[in-house]
Amino acid sequence: MKLSTRCLVLLVALLLPLASAFATTVTVTIGSNFYSPLTVNIQTGDVVHFVLQSGQHPTVSEDNTSIPLFTLSSASPTRDITFNTAGAIPYYCLAHGAPGQPLGQGMNGLINVTQRTTTATLDAKAAGIDVNVYPNPSHGQVTVQLNQKIGAGAYQLRLSNIIGQEVRTIALKPELTTAGLPLDLSDLRTGVYFYSLVVDGKVASTKRLVLQN
C-alpha cells in the first residue's frame, strides 16, 4: 500500500466518528443594498458565512441577539455565525433597511433555522444485515452487495461526502444479495466518502469508501 493511501486511510479512521457531526456552511453575500440569497434555510449547528461584496452595511438581527451587530470591511471582509437555536431570524442593514420590512423592500434578509434531527441507528449485528461496496479503493466502477436476503421494508444505500452531505441514494432490491448491483460513481470527485445501509429510514451500518483517479 502506498504511503499516501495509508495516510488517507488513517485520516478517514480518525474522522469517521465525527463525519455526521460536521455542520453545513451557507454563504450570504452582502452587496450594494442587498443580501443574497434573501432567505436561508439551515439546521441548528449550521454556519452562515457572510461575505462582503461592496459597500458598508452594519448588519444586525431584529432581536439584536441572534446576529450581533457587525460591519464588514476590506480589512475584515467575512463573518461566520453559528446558529444553535431554532426559529425565524429576520435581519437588516442599519443604513439601508429597517425592522419589519417585507423581504425585497429595503436591505433585509431572513434565516430560518430548524431543529437538527438525529438519525436513529439500528444494531447491524443484531439485525444480521450488512452491505459492502467493492473494490475499495475504487476508480468509480463499484459493486454493491448485501450479505443476506432482505425482507419487507425500504432498503437504501446512502452515499455521503466527508462533511456529511448526501451525494447519492440508491434503492436496494431483494435480488441484490446474490447478483450484486453495479454502480457507476466515476462522476464523483476523488476523495473519501461514507456509505450507509438505511433500513426504513434508519441507519444500520456505515463504512468508508475511497475514490481515486
N, C-alpha and C. Protein backbone atom coordinates (compact mmCIF):
# COMPACT_ATOMS: atom_id res chain seq x y z
N MET A 1 0.84 -1.20 0.00
CA MET A 1 0.00 0.00 0.00
C MET A 1 0.88 1.25 0.00
N LYS A 2 0.58 2.21 -0.87
CA LYS A 2 1.36 3.43 -0.95
C LYS A 2 1.22 4.23 0.34
N LEU A 3 2.28 5.02 0.62
CA LEU A 3 2.27 5.84 1.83
C LEU A 3 1.09 6.80 1.83
N SER A 4 0.80 7.41 0.65
CA SER A 4 -0.30 8.37 0.56
C SER A 4 -1.64 7.70 0.88
N THR A 5 -1.81 6.44 0.42
CA THR A 5 -3.04 5.71 0.69
C THR A 5 -3.15 5.38 2.17
N ARG A 6 -2.02 5.00 2.78
CA ARG A 6 -2.03 4.70 4.21
C ARG A 6 -2.43 5.92 5.03
N CYS A 7 -1.87 7.08 4.64
CA CYS A 7 -2.20 8.33 5.34
C CYS A 7 -3.68 8.66 5.19
N LEU A 8 -4.21 8.41 3.99
CA LEU A 8 -5.62 8.70 3.73
C LEU A 8 -6.51 7.80 4.57
N VAL A 9 -6.17 6.52 4.66
CA VAL A 9 -6.95 5.58 5.46
C VAL A 9 -6.92 5.97 6.93
N LEU A 10 -5.73 6.38 7.42
CA LEU A 10 -5.61 6.81 8.81
C LEU A 10 -6.46 8.03 9.07
N LEU A 11 -6.45 8.98 8.13
CA LEU A 11 -7.26 10.19 8.29
C LEU A 11 -8.73 9.85 8.35
N VAL A 12 -9.17 8.94 7.50
CA VAL A 12 -10.57 8.54 7.49
C VAL A 12 -10.96 7.89 8.81
N ALA A 13 -10.07 7.03 9.33
CA ALA A 13 -10.37 6.36 10.60
C ALA A 13 -10.55 7.35 11.73
N LEU A 14 -9.79 8.43 11.68
CA LEU A 14 -9.91 9.46 12.71
C LEU A 14 -11.17 10.29 12.54
N LEU A 15 -11.59 10.51 11.29
CA LEU A 15 -12.71 11.39 11.02
C LEU A 15 -14.06 10.68 11.02
N LEU A 16 -14.07 9.38 10.86
CA LEU A 16 -15.33 8.64 10.72
C LEU A 16 -16.31 8.90 11.85
N PRO A 17 -15.87 8.88 13.12
CA PRO A 17 -16.86 9.13 14.19
C PRO A 17 -17.40 10.54 14.18
N LEU A 18 -16.67 11.47 13.52
CA LEU A 18 -17.07 12.87 13.55
C LEU A 18 -17.81 13.30 12.30
N ALA A 19 -17.85 12.46 11.28
CA ALA A 19 -18.36 12.90 9.98
C ALA A 19 -19.78 13.41 10.05
N SER A 20 -20.65 12.71 10.79
CA SER A 20 -22.04 13.12 10.84
C SER A 20 -22.26 14.36 11.68
N ALA A 21 -21.21 14.76 12.45
CA ALA A 21 -21.38 15.91 13.34
C ALA A 21 -21.03 17.22 12.66
N PHE A 22 -20.39 17.16 11.50
CA PHE A 22 -19.98 18.37 10.83
C PHE A 22 -21.19 19.17 10.36
N ALA A 23 -21.14 20.47 10.58
CA ALA A 23 -22.25 21.34 10.20
C ALA A 23 -22.09 21.80 8.76
N THR A 24 -23.19 22.27 8.21
CA THR A 24 -23.20 22.85 6.87
C THR A 24 -22.92 24.35 6.96
N THR A 25 -22.17 24.87 5.99
CA THR A 25 -21.91 26.30 5.92
C THR A 25 -22.59 26.87 4.69
N VAL A 26 -23.39 27.92 4.89
CA VAL A 26 -24.11 28.59 3.80
C VAL A 26 -23.57 30.01 3.66
N THR A 27 -23.29 30.42 2.44
CA THR A 27 -22.72 31.75 2.20
C THR A 27 -23.81 32.76 1.85
N VAL A 28 -23.75 33.92 2.49
CA VAL A 28 -24.62 35.05 2.17
C VAL A 28 -23.73 36.21 1.74
N THR A 29 -23.97 36.72 0.54
CA THR A 29 -23.19 37.84 0.02
C THR A 29 -23.85 39.16 0.40
N ILE A 30 -23.04 40.10 0.90
CA ILE A 30 -23.53 41.43 1.24
C ILE A 30 -23.02 42.41 0.19
N GLY A 31 -23.94 43.02 -0.55
CA GLY A 31 -23.56 43.92 -1.63
C GLY A 31 -24.26 45.26 -1.52
N SER A 32 -24.32 45.97 -2.61
CA SER A 32 -24.93 47.30 -2.64
C SER A 32 -26.44 47.19 -2.44
N ASN A 33 -26.87 47.39 -1.22
CA ASN A 33 -28.28 47.36 -0.82
C ASN A 33 -28.94 46.00 -1.01
N PHE A 34 -28.19 44.91 -0.81
CA PHE A 34 -28.82 43.59 -0.89
C PHE A 34 -28.05 42.56 -0.08
N TYR A 35 -28.79 41.53 0.36
CA TYR A 35 -28.24 40.29 0.86
C TYR A 35 -28.64 39.20 -0.13
N SER A 36 -27.72 38.34 -0.47
CA SER A 36 -28.02 37.27 -1.42
C SER A 36 -27.49 35.93 -0.91
N PRO A 37 -28.39 34.94 -0.76
CA PRO A 37 -29.83 34.97 -1.00
C PRO A 37 -30.58 35.70 0.11
N LEU A 38 -31.81 36.13 -0.22
CA LEU A 38 -32.62 36.83 0.77
C LEU A 38 -33.02 35.91 1.92
N THR A 39 -33.34 34.66 1.59
CA THR A 39 -33.77 33.70 2.59
C THR A 39 -32.82 32.52 2.63
N VAL A 40 -32.42 32.13 3.84
CA VAL A 40 -31.53 30.99 4.04
C VAL A 40 -32.24 29.99 4.94
N ASN A 41 -32.23 28.72 4.55
CA ASN A 41 -32.82 27.65 5.36
C ASN A 41 -31.72 26.73 5.85
N ILE A 42 -31.54 26.66 7.16
CA ILE A 42 -30.48 25.85 7.74
C ILE A 42 -31.03 25.06 8.92
N GLN A 43 -30.15 24.22 9.51
CA GLN A 43 -30.50 23.48 10.71
C GLN A 43 -29.63 23.96 11.87
N THR A 44 -30.06 23.64 13.09
CA THR A 44 -29.28 24.05 14.25
C THR A 44 -27.87 23.47 14.14
N GLY A 45 -26.89 24.30 14.50
CA GLY A 45 -25.49 23.91 14.40
C GLY A 45 -24.84 24.33 13.10
N ASP A 46 -25.64 24.76 12.11
CA ASP A 46 -25.08 25.20 10.83
C ASP A 46 -24.51 26.61 10.95
N VAL A 47 -23.70 26.96 9.97
CA VAL A 47 -22.98 28.23 9.98
C VAL A 47 -23.39 29.06 8.76
N VAL A 48 -23.62 30.35 8.98
CA VAL A 48 -23.82 31.29 7.86
C VAL A 48 -22.53 32.10 7.71
N HIS A 49 -21.99 32.06 6.51
CA HIS A 49 -20.72 32.73 6.18
C HIS A 49 -21.06 34.00 5.39
N PHE A 50 -21.01 35.15 6.06
CA PHE A 50 -21.30 36.43 5.42
C PHE A 50 -20.03 36.92 4.71
N VAL A 51 -20.20 37.34 3.45
CA VAL A 51 -19.06 37.82 2.65
C VAL A 51 -19.39 39.18 2.06
N LEU A 52 -18.51 40.15 2.26
CA LEU A 52 -18.73 41.49 1.72
C LEU A 52 -18.35 41.55 0.26
N GLN A 53 -19.28 42.06 -0.56
CA GLN A 53 -19.00 42.30 -1.98
C GLN A 53 -18.71 43.76 -2.23
N SER A 54 -19.51 44.63 -1.62
CA SER A 54 -19.29 46.06 -1.80
C SER A 54 -20.05 46.84 -0.74
N GLY A 55 -19.66 48.10 -0.56
CA GLY A 55 -20.37 49.00 0.34
C GLY A 55 -20.00 48.80 1.80
N GLN A 56 -20.76 49.48 2.64
CA GLN A 56 -20.60 49.36 4.08
C GLN A 56 -21.98 49.17 4.69
N HIS A 57 -22.20 48.04 5.32
CA HIS A 57 -23.55 47.66 5.72
C HIS A 57 -23.56 47.08 7.13
N PRO A 58 -23.77 47.92 8.14
CA PRO A 58 -23.89 47.41 9.51
C PRO A 58 -25.10 46.50 9.62
N THR A 59 -24.86 45.24 9.96
CA THR A 59 -25.90 44.21 9.92
C THR A 59 -26.21 43.71 11.33
N VAL A 60 -27.50 43.50 11.60
CA VAL A 60 -27.93 43.03 12.91
C VAL A 60 -29.28 42.34 12.77
N SER A 61 -29.56 41.39 13.64
CA SER A 61 -30.88 40.75 13.64
C SER A 61 -31.87 41.65 14.36
N GLU A 62 -33.16 41.46 14.08
CA GLU A 62 -34.18 42.30 14.71
C GLU A 62 -34.24 42.11 16.22
N ASP A 63 -33.80 40.93 16.71
CA ASP A 63 -33.79 40.73 18.16
C ASP A 63 -32.48 41.20 18.80
N ASN A 64 -31.54 41.68 17.96
CA ASN A 64 -30.25 42.20 18.42
C ASN A 64 -29.38 41.14 19.12
N THR A 65 -29.79 39.88 19.05
CA THR A 65 -29.06 38.82 19.77
C THR A 65 -28.60 37.71 18.85
N SER A 66 -29.52 37.21 18.01
CA SER A 66 -29.19 36.08 17.14
C SER A 66 -28.04 36.42 16.20
N ILE A 67 -28.05 37.66 15.70
CA ILE A 67 -26.94 38.18 14.89
C ILE A 67 -26.49 39.48 15.54
N PRO A 68 -25.45 39.45 16.37
CA PRO A 68 -24.95 40.69 16.96
C PRO A 68 -24.47 41.65 15.87
N LEU A 69 -24.58 42.92 16.12
CA LEU A 69 -24.21 43.94 15.14
C LEU A 69 -22.77 43.75 14.66
N PHE A 70 -22.59 43.72 13.33
CA PHE A 70 -21.25 43.66 12.75
C PHE A 70 -21.24 44.45 11.45
N THR A 71 -20.08 44.98 11.09
CA THR A 71 -19.87 45.69 9.83
C THR A 71 -18.61 45.16 9.18
N LEU A 72 -18.73 44.64 7.97
CA LEU A 72 -17.58 44.11 7.25
C LEU A 72 -16.86 45.24 6.50
N SER A 73 -15.58 45.01 6.23
CA SER A 73 -14.77 45.99 5.53
C SER A 73 -13.73 45.25 4.69
N SER A 74 -12.95 46.00 3.91
CA SER A 74 -11.91 45.36 3.09
C SER A 74 -10.86 44.68 3.96
N ALA A 75 -10.66 45.21 5.16
CA ALA A 75 -9.70 44.61 6.08
C ALA A 75 -10.27 43.36 6.76
N SER A 76 -11.58 43.31 6.91
CA SER A 76 -12.25 42.17 7.54
C SER A 76 -13.52 41.87 6.75
N PRO A 77 -13.37 41.16 5.59
CA PRO A 77 -14.50 41.04 4.65
C PRO A 77 -15.45 39.88 4.91
N THR A 78 -15.24 39.08 5.96
CA THR A 78 -16.12 37.95 6.21
C THR A 78 -16.48 37.86 7.69
N ARG A 79 -17.59 37.19 7.94
CA ARG A 79 -18.01 36.91 9.32
C ARG A 79 -18.79 35.60 9.34
N ASP A 80 -18.41 34.69 10.22
CA ASP A 80 -19.11 33.41 10.37
C ASP A 80 -19.93 33.43 11.65
N ILE A 81 -21.20 33.04 11.54
CA ILE A 81 -22.08 32.98 12.71
C ILE A 81 -22.75 31.61 12.75
N THR A 82 -22.64 30.93 13.89
CA THR A 82 -23.26 29.63 14.09
C THR A 82 -24.61 29.81 14.77
N PHE A 83 -25.62 29.12 14.26
CA PHE A 83 -26.98 29.24 14.78
C PHE A 83 -27.37 27.94 15.50
N ASN A 84 -27.54 28.03 16.81
CA ASN A 84 -27.81 26.85 17.63
C ASN A 84 -29.25 26.78 18.14
N THR A 85 -30.05 27.80 17.85
CA THR A 85 -31.43 27.84 18.32
C THR A 85 -32.38 27.90 17.13
N ALA A 86 -33.39 27.02 17.13
CA ALA A 86 -34.35 27.00 16.04
C ALA A 86 -35.25 28.23 16.08
N GLY A 87 -35.67 28.68 14.89
CA GLY A 87 -36.57 29.83 14.80
C GLY A 87 -36.32 30.64 13.55
N ALA A 88 -37.20 31.61 13.29
CA ALA A 88 -37.05 32.54 12.17
C ALA A 88 -36.29 33.77 12.65
N ILE A 89 -35.24 34.14 11.93
CA ILE A 89 -34.39 35.25 12.35
C ILE A 89 -34.33 36.29 11.24
N PRO A 90 -35.17 37.32 11.30
CA PRO A 90 -35.06 38.42 10.34
C PRO A 90 -33.89 39.32 10.74
N TYR A 91 -33.20 39.83 9.73
CA TYR A 91 -32.08 40.74 10.00
C TYR A 91 -32.06 41.82 8.93
N TYR A 92 -31.29 42.89 9.17
CA TYR A 92 -31.33 44.03 8.24
C TYR A 92 -30.06 44.86 8.37
N CYS A 93 -29.91 45.78 7.43
CA CYS A 93 -28.80 46.74 7.44
C CYS A 93 -29.30 48.02 8.11
N LEU A 94 -28.57 48.49 9.11
CA LEU A 94 -28.97 49.71 9.82
C LEU A 94 -29.01 50.92 8.90
N ALA A 95 -28.17 50.93 7.86
CA ALA A 95 -28.08 52.09 6.97
C ALA A 95 -29.09 52.03 5.83
N HIS A 96 -29.48 50.82 5.39
CA HIS A 96 -30.29 50.71 4.18
C HIS A 96 -31.55 49.87 4.37
N GLY A 97 -31.90 49.53 5.58
CA GLY A 97 -33.09 48.75 5.84
C GLY A 97 -33.73 49.16 7.15
N ALA A 98 -34.73 48.40 7.57
CA ALA A 98 -35.42 48.70 8.82
C ALA A 98 -36.10 47.45 9.33
N PRO A 99 -36.32 47.32 10.63
CA PRO A 99 -37.00 46.14 11.18
C PRO A 99 -38.43 46.04 10.65
N GLY A 100 -38.87 44.83 10.39
CA GLY A 100 -40.25 44.60 9.99
C GLY A 100 -40.55 44.81 8.53
N GLN A 101 -39.56 45.17 7.72
CA GLN A 101 -39.81 45.36 6.29
C GLN A 101 -40.02 44.02 5.59
N PRO A 102 -40.93 43.94 4.61
CA PRO A 102 -41.06 42.71 3.81
C PRO A 102 -39.77 42.46 3.05
N LEU A 103 -39.48 41.19 2.80
CA LEU A 103 -38.28 40.84 2.05
C LEU A 103 -38.32 41.50 0.67
N GLY A 104 -37.21 42.09 0.28
CA GLY A 104 -37.12 42.75 -1.02
C GLY A 104 -37.42 44.23 -0.97
N GLN A 105 -37.96 44.70 0.15
CA GLN A 105 -38.21 46.13 0.31
C GLN A 105 -37.22 46.65 1.34
N GLY A 106 -36.18 47.32 0.85
CA GLY A 106 -35.10 47.70 1.73
C GLY A 106 -34.08 46.57 1.82
N MET A 107 -33.05 46.78 2.59
CA MET A 107 -31.98 45.79 2.69
C MET A 107 -32.20 44.94 3.93
N ASN A 108 -32.80 43.78 3.71
CA ASN A 108 -33.07 42.89 4.82
C ASN A 108 -32.98 41.44 4.33
N GLY A 109 -32.94 40.51 5.28
CA GLY A 109 -32.86 39.10 4.95
C GLY A 109 -33.51 38.27 6.03
N LEU A 110 -33.61 36.96 5.79
CA LEU A 110 -34.27 36.07 6.73
C LEU A 110 -33.51 34.75 6.79
N ILE A 111 -33.26 34.28 8.02
CA ILE A 111 -32.62 32.98 8.23
C ILE A 111 -33.60 32.10 8.99
N ASN A 112 -34.01 31.00 8.37
CA ASN A 112 -34.89 30.03 9.01
C ASN A 112 -34.05 28.88 9.55
N VAL A 113 -34.11 28.67 10.85
CA VAL A 113 -33.32 27.62 11.50
C VAL A 113 -34.27 26.56 12.04
N THR A 114 -34.14 25.33 11.55
CA THR A 114 -34.95 24.22 12.05
C THR A 114 -34.09 23.32 12.93
N GLN A 115 -34.73 22.61 13.83
CA GLN A 115 -34.02 21.73 14.75
C GLN A 115 -33.42 20.55 14.00
N ARG A 116 -32.15 20.31 14.18
CA ARG A 116 -31.49 19.18 13.54
C ARG A 116 -31.99 17.88 14.16
N THR A 117 -32.36 16.93 13.33
CA THR A 117 -32.85 15.65 13.83
C THR A 117 -31.74 14.64 13.81
N THR A 118 -31.69 13.80 14.83
CA THR A 118 -30.69 12.74 14.92
C THR A 118 -31.26 11.47 14.30
N THR A 119 -30.52 10.90 13.37
CA THR A 119 -30.97 9.68 12.70
C THR A 119 -30.89 8.50 13.65
N ALA A 120 -31.98 7.77 13.80
CA ALA A 120 -31.96 6.59 14.65
C ALA A 120 -31.05 5.53 14.05
N THR A 121 -30.39 4.77 14.90
CA THR A 121 -29.41 3.79 14.44
C THR A 121 -29.82 2.39 14.87
N LEU A 122 -29.76 1.45 13.93
CA LEU A 122 -30.02 0.06 14.25
C LEU A 122 -28.71 -0.63 14.58
N ASP A 123 -28.76 -1.67 15.39
CA ASP A 123 -27.60 -2.51 15.65
C ASP A 123 -27.46 -3.45 14.47
N ALA A 124 -26.46 -3.22 13.62
CA ALA A 124 -26.32 -4.00 12.40
C ALA A 124 -26.07 -5.48 12.71
N LYS A 125 -25.31 -5.78 13.77
CA LYS A 125 -25.03 -7.17 14.10
C LYS A 125 -26.29 -7.87 14.56
N ALA A 126 -27.10 -7.17 15.37
CA ALA A 126 -28.34 -7.77 15.85
C ALA A 126 -29.29 -8.03 14.70
N ALA A 127 -29.32 -7.08 13.74
CA ALA A 127 -30.21 -7.25 12.58
C ALA A 127 -29.66 -8.29 11.62
N GLY A 128 -28.35 -8.54 11.69
CA GLY A 128 -27.74 -9.53 10.81
C GLY A 128 -27.61 -9.07 9.37
N ILE A 129 -27.68 -7.77 9.15
CA ILE A 129 -27.64 -7.23 7.79
C ILE A 129 -26.37 -6.41 7.62
N ASP A 130 -25.71 -6.60 6.50
CA ASP A 130 -24.51 -5.82 6.23
C ASP A 130 -24.41 -5.56 4.73
N VAL A 131 -23.74 -4.48 4.38
CA VAL A 131 -23.57 -4.12 2.98
C VAL A 131 -22.09 -3.86 2.72
N ASN A 132 -21.65 -4.23 1.53
CA ASN A 132 -20.27 -3.96 1.13
C ASN A 132 -20.25 -3.35 -0.26
N VAL A 133 -19.35 -2.39 -0.44
CA VAL A 133 -19.12 -1.78 -1.74
C VAL A 133 -17.66 -2.07 -2.12
N TYR A 134 -17.44 -2.70 -3.25
CA TYR A 134 -16.08 -3.08 -3.65
C TYR A 134 -15.92 -2.89 -5.16
N PRO A 135 -14.69 -2.77 -5.67
CA PRO A 135 -13.44 -2.68 -4.91
C PRO A 135 -13.34 -1.38 -4.13
N ASN A 136 -12.51 -1.37 -3.11
CA ASN A 136 -12.33 -0.22 -2.24
C ASN A 136 -10.88 -0.19 -1.77
N PRO A 137 -10.08 0.75 -2.26
CA PRO A 137 -10.38 1.92 -3.09
C PRO A 137 -10.85 1.53 -4.49
N SER A 138 -11.50 2.51 -5.13
CA SER A 138 -12.06 2.28 -6.46
C SER A 138 -11.82 3.49 -7.35
N HIS A 139 -11.87 3.23 -8.66
CA HIS A 139 -11.78 4.32 -9.65
C HIS A 139 -13.17 4.76 -10.11
N GLY A 140 -14.21 4.27 -9.45
CA GLY A 140 -15.56 4.72 -9.76
C GLY A 140 -16.54 3.63 -10.10
N GLN A 141 -16.05 2.52 -10.67
CA GLN A 141 -16.92 1.40 -11.01
C GLN A 141 -16.93 0.42 -9.84
N VAL A 142 -18.06 0.34 -9.12
CA VAL A 142 -18.12 -0.50 -7.92
C VAL A 142 -19.31 -1.45 -8.00
N THR A 143 -19.33 -2.39 -7.07
CA THR A 143 -20.45 -3.32 -6.92
C THR A 143 -20.96 -3.24 -5.49
N VAL A 144 -22.27 -3.17 -5.34
CA VAL A 144 -22.92 -3.12 -4.03
C VAL A 144 -23.50 -4.50 -3.74
N GLN A 145 -23.19 -5.05 -2.57
CA GLN A 145 -23.68 -6.39 -2.26
C GLN A 145 -24.06 -6.49 -0.79
N LEU A 146 -25.21 -7.14 -0.52
CA LEU A 146 -25.66 -7.41 0.84
C LEU A 146 -25.25 -8.83 1.22
N ASN A 147 -25.13 -9.06 2.53
CA ASN A 147 -24.68 -10.38 2.99
C ASN A 147 -25.81 -11.39 3.16
N GLN A 148 -27.05 -10.95 3.02
CA GLN A 148 -28.17 -11.87 3.16
C GLN A 148 -29.40 -11.31 2.45
N LYS A 149 -30.37 -12.17 2.28
CA LYS A 149 -31.61 -11.76 1.62
C LYS A 149 -32.36 -10.77 2.52
N ILE A 150 -32.87 -9.72 1.93
CA ILE A 150 -33.59 -8.72 2.71
C ILE A 150 -35.08 -8.98 2.63
N GLY A 151 -35.78 -8.58 3.69
CA GLY A 151 -37.21 -8.81 3.75
C GLY A 151 -38.00 -7.57 3.41
N ALA A 152 -39.17 -7.46 4.05
CA ALA A 152 -40.02 -6.30 3.80
C ALA A 152 -39.38 -5.04 4.36
N GLY A 153 -39.67 -3.94 3.72
CA GLY A 153 -39.12 -2.67 4.18
C GLY A 153 -38.40 -1.94 3.06
N ALA A 154 -38.03 -0.71 3.33
CA ALA A 154 -37.33 0.12 2.35
C ALA A 154 -35.84 0.09 2.67
N TYR A 155 -35.06 -0.50 1.76
CA TYR A 155 -33.62 -0.60 1.92
C TYR A 155 -32.95 0.35 0.94
N GLN A 156 -32.01 1.13 1.44
CA GLN A 156 -31.30 2.08 0.59
C GLN A 156 -29.82 2.08 0.92
N LEU A 157 -29.02 2.44 -0.09
CA LEU A 157 -27.61 2.74 0.12
C LEU A 157 -27.47 4.26 0.02
N ARG A 158 -27.01 4.88 1.09
CA ARG A 158 -26.84 6.34 1.11
C ARG A 158 -25.35 6.67 1.09
N LEU A 159 -24.94 7.47 0.13
CA LEU A 159 -23.54 7.86 -0.01
C LEU A 159 -23.39 9.32 0.36
N SER A 160 -22.45 9.61 1.27
CA SER A 160 -22.22 10.98 1.74
C SER A 160 -20.75 11.33 1.60
N ASN A 161 -20.47 12.64 1.47
CA ASN A 161 -19.08 13.07 1.41
C ASN A 161 -18.51 13.21 2.81
N ILE A 162 -17.27 13.69 2.90
CA ILE A 162 -16.55 13.72 4.16
C ILE A 162 -17.18 14.65 5.18
N ILE A 163 -17.99 15.63 4.73
CA ILE A 163 -18.62 16.54 5.68
C ILE A 163 -20.09 16.19 5.91
N GLY A 164 -20.46 14.99 5.47
CA GLY A 164 -21.80 14.50 5.78
C GLY A 164 -22.89 14.89 4.81
N GLN A 165 -22.55 15.53 3.70
CA GLN A 165 -23.56 15.90 2.71
C GLN A 165 -23.90 14.70 1.83
N GLU A 166 -25.19 14.41 1.70
CA GLU A 166 -25.63 13.28 0.90
C GLU A 166 -25.41 13.57 -0.58
N VAL A 167 -24.74 12.64 -1.28
CA VAL A 167 -24.45 12.84 -2.70
C VAL A 167 -25.16 11.82 -3.59
N ARG A 168 -25.62 10.71 -3.02
CA ARG A 168 -26.30 9.70 -3.83
C ARG A 168 -27.12 8.79 -2.92
N THR A 169 -28.32 8.41 -3.36
CA THR A 169 -29.13 7.44 -2.64
C THR A 169 -29.66 6.42 -3.65
N ILE A 170 -29.45 5.14 -3.35
CA ILE A 170 -29.83 4.07 -4.27
C ILE A 170 -30.76 3.11 -3.56
N ALA A 171 -31.89 2.80 -4.16
CA ALA A 171 -32.82 1.81 -3.61
C ALA A 171 -32.24 0.42 -3.82
N LEU A 172 -32.31 -0.43 -2.78
CA LEU A 172 -31.77 -1.79 -2.84
C LEU A 172 -32.93 -2.79 -2.96
N LYS A 173 -32.82 -3.69 -3.94
CA LYS A 173 -33.86 -4.68 -4.20
C LYS A 173 -33.46 -6.04 -3.59
N PRO A 174 -34.43 -6.92 -3.32
CA PRO A 174 -34.12 -8.22 -2.72
C PRO A 174 -33.12 -9.04 -3.51
N GLU A 175 -33.15 -8.97 -4.84
CA GLU A 175 -32.24 -9.77 -5.66
C GLU A 175 -30.79 -9.31 -5.58
N LEU A 176 -30.57 -8.18 -4.94
CA LEU A 176 -29.22 -7.64 -4.82
C LEU A 176 -28.29 -8.58 -4.06
N THR A 177 -28.80 -9.37 -3.11
CA THR A 177 -27.96 -10.18 -2.24
C THR A 177 -27.13 -11.20 -3.00
N THR A 178 -27.63 -11.73 -4.11
CA THR A 178 -26.90 -12.76 -4.84
C THR A 178 -26.11 -12.19 -6.02
N ALA A 179 -26.73 -11.31 -6.78
CA ALA A 179 -26.09 -10.81 -8.00
C ALA A 179 -25.20 -9.60 -7.77
N GLY A 180 -25.52 -8.79 -6.77
CA GLY A 180 -24.78 -7.54 -6.60
C GLY A 180 -25.30 -6.49 -7.57
N LEU A 181 -25.08 -5.24 -7.24
CA LEU A 181 -25.58 -4.14 -8.06
C LEU A 181 -24.41 -3.31 -8.56
N PRO A 182 -24.16 -3.31 -9.89
CA PRO A 182 -23.09 -2.45 -10.43
C PRO A 182 -23.48 -0.99 -10.27
N LEU A 183 -22.52 -0.18 -9.89
CA LEU A 183 -22.80 1.24 -9.64
C LEU A 183 -21.65 2.07 -10.19
N ASP A 184 -22.00 3.10 -10.95
CA ASP A 184 -21.00 4.00 -11.55
C ASP A 184 -20.90 5.27 -10.72
N LEU A 185 -19.77 5.45 -10.05
CA LEU A 185 -19.53 6.65 -9.25
C LEU A 185 -18.41 7.50 -9.83
N SER A 186 -18.12 7.27 -11.11
CA SER A 186 -16.99 7.97 -11.73
C SER A 186 -17.22 9.47 -11.88
N ASP A 187 -18.49 9.92 -11.72
CA ASP A 187 -18.77 11.34 -11.82
C ASP A 187 -18.44 12.09 -10.53
N LEU A 188 -18.14 11.35 -9.46
CA LEU A 188 -17.82 11.99 -8.19
C LEU A 188 -16.33 12.32 -8.11
N ARG A 189 -16.02 13.32 -7.33
CA ARG A 189 -14.63 13.75 -7.19
C ARG A 189 -13.82 12.71 -6.41
N THR A 190 -12.54 12.71 -6.66
CA THR A 190 -11.63 11.87 -5.89
C THR A 190 -11.68 12.27 -4.43
N GLY A 191 -11.70 11.28 -3.54
CA GLY A 191 -11.71 11.59 -2.12
C GLY A 191 -12.34 10.48 -1.30
N VAL A 192 -12.66 10.82 -0.07
CA VAL A 192 -13.23 9.87 0.89
C VAL A 192 -14.73 10.08 1.00
N TYR A 193 -15.48 8.99 0.97
CA TYR A 193 -16.93 9.02 1.12
C TYR A 193 -17.34 8.00 2.18
N PHE A 194 -18.56 8.13 2.64
CA PHE A 194 -19.12 7.18 3.59
C PHE A 194 -20.42 6.63 3.01
N TYR A 195 -20.55 5.29 3.04
CA TYR A 195 -21.79 4.70 2.56
C TYR A 195 -22.51 4.02 3.72
N SER A 196 -23.82 4.23 3.76
CA SER A 196 -24.63 3.70 4.86
C SER A 196 -25.74 2.83 4.31
N LEU A 197 -26.00 1.73 5.02
CA LEU A 197 -27.18 0.93 4.75
C LEU A 197 -28.32 1.51 5.57
N VAL A 198 -29.37 1.95 4.89
CA VAL A 198 -30.51 2.59 5.54
C VAL A 198 -31.73 1.70 5.40
N VAL A 199 -32.31 1.31 6.53
CA VAL A 199 -33.48 0.43 6.53
C VAL A 199 -34.65 1.18 7.15
N ASP A 200 -35.69 1.40 6.34
CA ASP A 200 -36.87 2.14 6.81
C ASP A 200 -36.49 3.47 7.44
N GLY A 201 -35.54 4.15 6.81
CA GLY A 201 -35.13 5.47 7.28
C GLY A 201 -34.12 5.47 8.41
N LYS A 202 -33.71 4.28 8.88
CA LYS A 202 -32.76 4.19 9.98
C LYS A 202 -31.44 3.61 9.49
N VAL A 203 -30.34 4.16 9.98
CA VAL A 203 -29.01 3.72 9.56
C VAL A 203 -28.65 2.43 10.28
N ALA A 204 -28.35 1.36 9.51
CA ALA A 204 -27.96 0.09 10.08
C ALA A 204 -26.45 -0.04 10.19
N SER A 205 -25.71 0.54 9.26
CA SER A 205 -24.25 0.50 9.32
C SER A 205 -23.68 1.57 8.41
N THR A 206 -22.47 1.99 8.71
CA THR A 206 -21.78 3.00 7.91
C THR A 206 -20.32 2.58 7.72
N LYS A 207 -19.85 2.67 6.49
CA LYS A 207 -18.46 2.32 6.17
C LYS A 207 -17.88 3.39 5.25
N ARG A 208 -16.58 3.34 5.08
CA ARG A 208 -15.91 4.32 4.23
C ARG A 208 -15.61 3.75 2.85
N LEU A 209 -15.55 4.64 1.88
CA LEU A 209 -15.21 4.29 0.52
C LEU A 209 -14.24 5.34 -0.02
N VAL A 210 -13.15 4.89 -0.61
CA VAL A 210 -12.15 5.81 -1.16
C VAL A 210 -12.23 5.76 -2.68
N LEU A 211 -12.45 6.92 -3.30
CA LEU A 211 -12.45 7.03 -4.75
C LEU A 211 -11.15 7.68 -5.20
N GLN A 212 -10.50 7.06 -6.19
CA GLN A 212 -9.23 7.54 -6.70
C GLN A 212 -9.34 7.90 -8.17
N ASN A 213 -8.37 8.65 -8.67
CA ASN A 213 -8.33 8.99 -10.10
C ASN A 213 -8.07 7.76 -10.93
